[in-house]
Structures are given as C-alpha cells and as structure tokens.
C-alpha cells in the first residue's frame, strides 16, 4: 500500500514537471506599448499629436495675450469712460473670454477625438496581426508584457508584430472633423 502511494506521488510529481514545459509553448508575449511606439504608424501618430499640442498651446497663448491686452486697454480707458459704458465693455470682454475659452475647449476635444480615432485604426490593424501570429505559432494565450513580471524573451513576438504592422499600416493620419 505504501509502495502504491509512493508510485502515485512520483507519477504526480513527474507529470507536473512536464506541464510547465508545455504551458510555455502555449503562451506568447507582446509588448503593445513597444509595438505602437516603434511602428511607423505609431511614430506618425505621436508626431502629429505633438504638433497638434503645440498648435493648441500657441492658440491658447494667443487668445490669452489678446484678452490681457484688451483688459489692460479697458482698464486704461476706465477713467475716460462713463461707468455704464465701462460696464458694457467689461461685460463684452468677459463674454468674449468665455467664448474664446469654449472655442479652445472645443478644439482640444476635437483633437483628442481625432487622435483616438487614429489610435483605434492602429489597434484595428494590429488585432488581426496578433491573431494571425498566435494561430501560426499554435499558442493558446497571448499576454501583454505590461501584465507580467517576467517572461522568456523567446516568447516575445513584439518585433514580429512591428514588422507586420509597418507593412500593413505604414502611416496614419490624424483627421480633425
């Protein structure tokens, strides 16, 4: 009885040792952040995003300076204007400031939506690539590198994904609607 128990325990240990080797073959790793940052379309998206951000900052600064100049001018003219005329111009300036702020917020929102659409187009092209590679390699699980502490570099398919993504989507346009 004791021999049977020892044989069963050995079989269990030997069997469990072979599972990790098989499991490793069934798992692939991809660093999605790396793929997007290194792909041609990801680089194009980042460049366009930076340019649009600079545009927004310049527009904000331009609006701010114009409103400050108008505010200073109004303050200088305060003693020359009747109180009701000054009040009218002050209200008009405040209304203009609110309008310009809304205009700027609308522009920022449209830019964010355009960047999101461009990013989604990268994702939509990358998704079938990932599926294709997983099927080619016969893997059962694909993990994002960011969700892992450690993984065998041989299981990482990120470079392969970048190559295929560069062929299928060499560029992406951020189109503001």
Protein backbone atom coordinates (compact mmCIF):
# COMPACT_ATOMS: atom_id res chain seq x y z
CA UNK A 1 0.00 0.00 0.00
CA UNK A 2 2.86 2.30 0.92
CA UNK A 3 4.65 1.48 -2.38
CA UNK A 4 1.49 2.31 -4.33
CA UNK A 5 1.24 5.67 -2.58
CA UNK A 6 4.92 6.47 -3.36
CA UNK A 7 4.49 5.46 -7.03
CA UNK A 8 1.38 7.62 -7.32
CA UNK A 9 3.20 10.56 -5.71
CA UNK A 10 6.17 10.14 -8.09
CA UNK A 11 3.85 9.97 -11.08
CA UNK A 12 2.15 13.15 -9.92
CA UNK A 13 5.48 14.98 -9.49
CA UNK A 14 6.84 13.79 -12.83
CA UNK A 15 3.59 14.70 -14.56
CA UNK A 16 3.55 18.17 -13.04
CA UNK A 17 7.15 18.78 -14.16
CA UNK A 18 6.18 18.29 -17.80
CA UNK A 19 3.23 20.71 -17.62
CA UNK A 20 5.25 23.95 -17.41
CA UNK A 21 7.27 22.99 -20.48
CA UNK A 22 4.09 22.50 -22.48
CA UNK A 23 2.45 25.58 -20.98
CA UNK A 24 5.39 27.75 -22.05
CA UNK A 25 4.86 26.73 -25.67
CA UNK A 26 1.22 27.72 -25.44
CA UNK A 27 1.93 31.26 -24.22
CA UNK A 28 3.21 34.23 -26.21
CA UNK A 29 4.11 37.69 -25.01
CA UNK A 30 3.65 41.03 -26.76
CA UNK A 31 4.64 44.46 -25.54
CA UNK A 32 1.82 46.56 -27.03
CA UNK A 33 3.35 49.80 -25.80
CA UNK A 34 6.60 48.94 -27.59
CA UNK A 35 4.77 47.91 -30.76
CA UNK A 36 2.89 51.20 -31.02
CA UNK A 37 5.92 53.32 -30.10
CA UNK A 38 8.21 51.57 -32.61
CA UNK A 39 5.82 51.13 -35.54
CA UNK A 40 5.81 53.64 -38.38
CA UNK A 41 2.15 54.43 -37.80
CA UNK A 42 2.73 54.88 -34.05
CA UNK A 43 5.63 57.25 -34.70
CA UNK A 44 3.46 59.22 -37.16
CA UNK A 45 0.65 59.39 -34.62
CA UNK A 46 2.99 60.63 -31.88
CA UNK A 47 4.49 63.30 -34.19
CA UNK A 48 1.07 64.57 -35.27
CA UNK A 49 -0.12 64.59 -31.65
CA UNK A 50 2.89 66.66 -30.60
CA UNK A 51 2.32 69.11 -33.49
CA UNK A 52 -1.35 69.49 -32.61
CA UNK A 53 -0.46 70.00 -28.96
CA UNK A 54 1.94 72.80 -29.95
CA UNK A 55 -0.84 74.32 -32.07
CA UNK A 56 -3.24 74.30 -29.11
CA UNK A 57 -0.65 75.85 -26.80
CA UNK A 58 0.06 78.59 -29.36
CA UNK A 59 -3.66 79.26 -29.80
CA UNK A 60 -4.16 79.40 -26.03
CA UNK A 61 -1.26 81.81 -25.63
CA UNK A 62 -2.53 83.98 -28.49
CA UNK A 63 -6.04 84.16 -27.02
CA UNK A 64 -4.69 84.85 -23.54
CA UNK A 65 -2.43 87.67 -24.76
CA UNK A 66 -5.21 89.28 -26.84
CA UNK A 67 -7.62 89.20 -23.90
CA UNK A 68 -5.00 90.57 -21.50
CA UNK A 69 -4.21 93.40 -23.92
CA UNK A 70 -7.91 94.23 -24.24
CA UNK A 71 -8.27 94.10 -20.46
CA UNK A 72 -5.34 96.48 -19.97
CA UNK A 73 -6.71 98.85 -22.60
CA UNK A 74 -10.13 98.82 -20.96
CA UNK A 75 -8.55 99.50 -17.56
CA UNK A 76 -6.58 102.41 -19.03
CA UNK A 77 -9.77 103.83 -20.59
CA UNK A 78 -11.78 103.37 -17.39
CA UNK A 79 -11.31 106.97 -16.26
CA UNK A 80 -12.28 108.28 -19.72
CA UNK A 81 -15.47 106.21 -19.98
CA UNK A 82 -18.81 106.69 -18.35
CA UNK A 83 -19.42 103.98 -15.72
CA UNK A 84 -22.22 102.34 -17.75
CA UNK A 85 -20.06 102.32 -20.93
CA UNK A 86 -17.16 100.80 -18.97
CA UNK A 87 -19.50 98.18 -17.51
CA UNK A 88 -20.83 97.35 -21.03
CA UNK A 89 -17.31 96.91 -22.38
CA UNK A 90 -16.29 94.85 -19.35
CA UNK A 91 -19.27 92.52 -19.84
CA UNK A 92 -18.45 92.29 -23.56
CA UNK A 93 -14.83 91.40 -22.75
CA UNK A 94 -15.94 88.76 -20.24
CA UNK A 95 -18.31 87.32 -22.84
CA UNK A 96 -15.52 87.26 -25.43
CA UNK A 97 -13.23 85.50 -22.92
CA UNK A 98 -15.88 82.83 -22.27
CA UNK A 99 -16.45 82.40 -26.00
CA UNK A 100 -12.72 82.03 -26.70
CA UNK A 101 -12.38 79.54 -23.82
CA UNK A 102 -15.22 77.47 -25.25
CA UNK A 103 -13.64 77.66 -28.71
CA UNK A 104 -10.34 76.42 -27.29
CA UNK A 105 -12.03 73.59 -25.35
CA UNK A 106 -13.91 72.53 -28.49
CA UNK A 107 -10.66 72.49 -30.47
CA UNK A 108 -8.91 70.40 -27.80
CA UNK A 109 -11.83 67.95 -27.70
CA UNK A 110 -11.83 67.56 -31.50
CA UNK A 111 -8.08 66.95 -31.47
CA UNK A 112 -8.42 64.32 -28.73
CA UNK A 113 -11.18 62.58 -30.70
CA UNK A 114 -9.06 62.62 -33.87
CA UNK A 115 -6.07 61.15 -32.02
CA UNK A 116 -8.33 58.47 -30.52
CA UNK A 117 -9.67 57.57 -33.98
CA UNK A 118 -6.14 57.30 -35.37
CA UNK A 119 -5.09 55.19 -32.40
CA UNK A 120 -8.11 52.95 -32.91
CA UNK A 121 -7.16 52.47 -36.55
CA UNK A 122 -3.74 51.22 -35.41
CA UNK A 123 -5.43 48.86 -32.94
CA UNK A 124 -7.83 47.57 -35.59
CA UNK A 125 -4.95 46.69 -37.91
CA UNK A 126 -2.84 45.23 -35.10
CA UNK A 127 -5.58 42.95 -33.75
CA UNK A 128 -5.73 40.61 -36.78
CA UNK A 129 -1.91 40.56 -36.85
CA UNK A 130 -1.85 39.32 -33.26
CA UNK A 131 -4.47 36.68 -34.02
CA UNK A 132 -2.55 35.58 -37.11
CA UNK A 133 0.74 35.18 -35.21
CA UNK A 134 -0.94 33.34 -32.31
CA UNK A 135 -2.53 30.92 -34.80
CA UNK A 136 0.71 30.45 -36.75
CA UNK A 137 2.63 29.57 -33.60
CA UNK A 138 -0.17 27.45 -32.15
CA UNK A 139 -0.31 29.40 -28.91
CA UNK A 140 -3.35 29.38 -26.68
CA UNK A 141 -2.61 32.52 -24.65
CA UNK A 142 -1.23 35.93 -25.60
CA UNK A 143 -0.18 38.18 -22.70
CA UNK A 144 0.71 41.86 -22.73
CA UNK A 145 4.23 42.35 -21.39
CA UNK A 146 2.94 45.08 -19.07
CA UNK A 147 0.83 42.49 -17.22
CA UNK A 148 3.83 40.27 -16.44
CA UNK A 149 6.80 40.47 -14.13
CA UNK A 150 8.98 38.15 -16.17
CA UNK A 151 8.78 36.13 -19.35
CA UNK A 152 11.20 34.26 -21.56
CA UNK A 153 12.32 36.66 -24.31
CA UNK A 154 11.94 33.81 -26.84
CA UNK A 155 8.17 34.02 -26.32
CA UNK A 156 8.04 37.76 -27.16
CA UNK A 157 6.51 38.46 -30.57
CA UNK A 158 6.67 42.27 -30.37
CA UNK A 159 9.30 42.74 -33.11
CA UNK A 160 7.36 40.48 -35.45
CA UNK A 161 4.18 42.47 -34.80
CA UNK A 162 6.02 45.75 -35.54
CA UNK A 163 7.26 44.39 -38.88
CA UNK A 164 3.80 43.25 -39.96
CA UNK A 165 2.16 46.44 -38.72
CA UNK A 166 4.68 48.53 -40.67
CA UNK A 167 3.77 46.63 -43.84
CA UNK A 168 0.02 46.85 -43.36
CA UNK A 169 -0.21 50.37 -41.91
CA UNK A 170 2.92 52.37 -42.72
CA UNK A 171 1.25 55.68 -41.84
CA UNK A 172 -1.76 57.05 -40.01
CA UNK A 173 -3.43 60.44 -40.41
CA UNK A 174 -4.97 62.40 -37.56
CA UNK A 175 -8.02 63.96 -39.20
CA UNK A 176 -9.91 66.58 -37.24
CA UNK A 177 -13.59 66.71 -38.01
